[in-house]
Amino acid sequence: MLVLNEAGQKEFIGGQEDWSVAQNLATNCADFLPDEEDEQCDEEQLSCYNCRYRRWTMKSFTCMAA
């Protein structure tokens, strides 16, 4: 699940280890693009954690897709 943070960015509220939710979100995302293989961290290819539009934060990540 994504919420707008103080900066107006879409931030994932599941943190950095909510694997099943990140995979489910990516499955339903028309903007998903896999990141370079060495930047991927989830064993499942289709995951927000592996998305080119993901930008890590201290606690989670923000989604930079349109």
C-alpha atoms as a PDB file:
ATOM      1  CA  MET A   1       0.000   0.000   0.000  1.00  0.00           C
ATOM      2  CA  LEU A   2       1.246   3.421  -0.947  1.00  0.00           C
ATOM      3  CA  VAL A   3       0.501   6.704   0.816  1.00  0.00           C
ATOM      4  CA  LEU A   4       1.609  10.248   0.072  1.00  0.00           C
ATOM      5  CA  ASN A   5       4.398  11.353   2.400  1.00  0.00           C
ATOM      6  CA  GLU A   6       5.223  14.918   3.502  1.00  0.00           C
ATOM      7  CA  ALA A   7       7.133  15.516   0.250  1.00  0.00           C
ATOM      8  CA  GLY A   8       4.142  14.423  -1.850  1.00  0.00           C
ATOM      9  CA  GLN A   9       5.833  11.166  -2.902  1.00  0.00           C
ATOM     10  CA  LYS A  10       4.134   7.766  -2.958  1.00  0.00           C
ATOM     11  CA  GLU A  11       5.678   5.855  -0.052  1.00  0.00           C
ATOM     12  CA  PHE A  12       5.248   2.128   0.643  1.00  0.00           C
ATOM     13  CA  ILE A  13       3.918   1.648   4.179  1.00  0.00           C
ATOM     14  CA  GLY A  14       5.085  -1.970   4.423  1.00  0.00           C
ATOM     15  CA  GLY A  15       8.707  -1.120   5.133  1.00  0.00           C
ATOM     16  CA  GLN A  16      11.601  -2.961   3.551  1.00  0.00           C
ATOM     17  CA  GLU A  17      10.523  -6.536   4.247  1.00  0.00           C
ATOM     18  CA  ASP A  18       6.824  -6.891   3.417  1.00  0.00           C
ATOM     19  CA  TRP A  19       7.558  -9.248   0.542  1.00  0.00           C
ATOM     20  CA  SER A  20       4.056 -10.507  -0.269  1.00  0.00           C
ATOM     21  CA  VAL A  21       2.475  -7.032  -0.354  1.00  0.00           C
ATOM     22  CA  ALA A  22       5.310  -5.655  -2.515  1.00  0.00           C
ATOM     23  CA  GLN A  23       4.841  -8.566  -4.918  1.00  0.00           C
ATOM     24  CA  ASN A  24       1.073  -8.077  -5.038  1.00  0.00           C
ATOM     25  CA  LEU A  25       1.418  -4.348  -5.719  1.00  0.00           C
ATOM     26  CA  ALA A  26       3.853  -4.975  -8.576  1.00  0.00           C
ATOM     27  CA  THR A  27       1.547  -7.587 -10.092  1.00  0.00           C
ATOM     28  CA  ASN A  28      -1.202  -4.958 -10.319  1.00  0.00           C
ATOM     29  CA  CYS A  29       1.039  -2.088 -11.454  1.00  0.00           C
ATOM     30  CA  ALA A  30       0.989  -1.053 -15.122  1.00  0.00           C
ATOM     31  CA  ASP A  31       4.222   0.952 -14.616  1.00  0.00           C
ATOM     32  CA  PHE A  32       6.402  -1.869 -13.227  1.00  0.00           C
ATOM     33  CA  LEU A  33       9.804  -2.185 -14.906  1.00  0.00           C
ATOM     34  CA  PRO A  34      12.426  -4.560 -13.528  1.00  0.00           C
ATOM     35  CA  ASP A  35      15.550  -2.895 -12.206  1.00  0.00           C
ATOM     36  CA  GLU A  36      19.016  -4.108 -13.171  1.00  0.00           C
ATOM     37  CA  GLU A  37      19.601  -7.603 -11.860  1.00  0.00           C
ATOM     38  CA  ASP A  38      22.299  -6.545  -9.383  1.00  0.00           C
ATOM     39  CA  GLU A  39      19.863  -4.021  -7.840  1.00  0.00           C
ATOM     40  CA  GLN A  40      17.121  -6.596  -7.215  1.00  0.00           C
ATOM     41  CA  CYS A  41      16.619  -8.028  -3.731  1.00  0.00           C
ATOM     42  CA  ASP A  42      13.414 -10.096  -3.937  1.00  0.00           C
ATOM     43  CA  GLU A  43      13.591 -13.656  -5.253  1.00  0.00           C
ATOM     44  CA  GLU A  44      10.313 -13.034  -7.077  1.00  0.00           C
ATOM     45  CA  GLN A  45      11.001 -10.971 -10.201  1.00  0.00           C
ATOM     46  CA  LEU A  46       7.667  -9.147 -10.061  1.00  0.00           C
ATOM     47  CA  SER A  47       8.014  -7.114  -6.854  1.00  0.00           C
ATOM     48  CA  CYS A  48       8.128  -3.407  -6.017  1.00  0.00           C
ATOM     49  CA  TYR A  49      11.427  -4.174  -4.304  1.00  0.00           C
ATOM     50  CA  ASN A  50      12.827  -5.043  -7.748  1.00  0.00           C
ATOM     51  CA  CYS A  51      11.277  -2.149  -9.652  1.00  0.00           C
ATOM     52  CA  ARG A  52      13.315   0.427 -11.541  1.00  0.00           C
ATOM     53  CA  TYR A  53      11.040   3.172 -10.130  1.00  0.00           C
ATOM     54  CA  ARG A  54      11.699   2.224  -6.483  1.00  0.00           C
ATOM     55  CA  ARG A  55      13.875   4.595  -4.435  1.00  0.00           C
ATOM     56  CA  TRP A  56      14.959   3.349  -1.022  1.00  0.00           C
ATOM     57  CA  THR A  57      14.363   5.455   2.071  1.00  0.00           C
ATOM     58  CA  MET A  58      15.520   4.850   5.641  1.00  0.00           C
ATOM     59  CA  LYS A  59      12.409   2.809   6.485  1.00  0.00           C
ATOM     60  CA  SER A  60      10.878   1.827   3.160  1.00  0.00           C
ATOM     61  CA  PHE A  61      10.870   3.116  -0.422  1.00  0.00           C
ATOM     62  CA  THR A  62       9.107   5.666  -2.565  1.00  0.00           C
ATOM     63  CA  CYS A  63       7.567   4.917  -5.942  1.00  0.00           C
ATOM     64  CA  MET A  64       8.680   7.302  -8.673  1.00  0.00           C
ATOM     65  CA  ALA A  65       6.406   5.834 -11.387  1.00  0.00           C
ATOM     66  CA  ALA A  66       3.968   8.244 -12.997  1.00  0.00           C
END
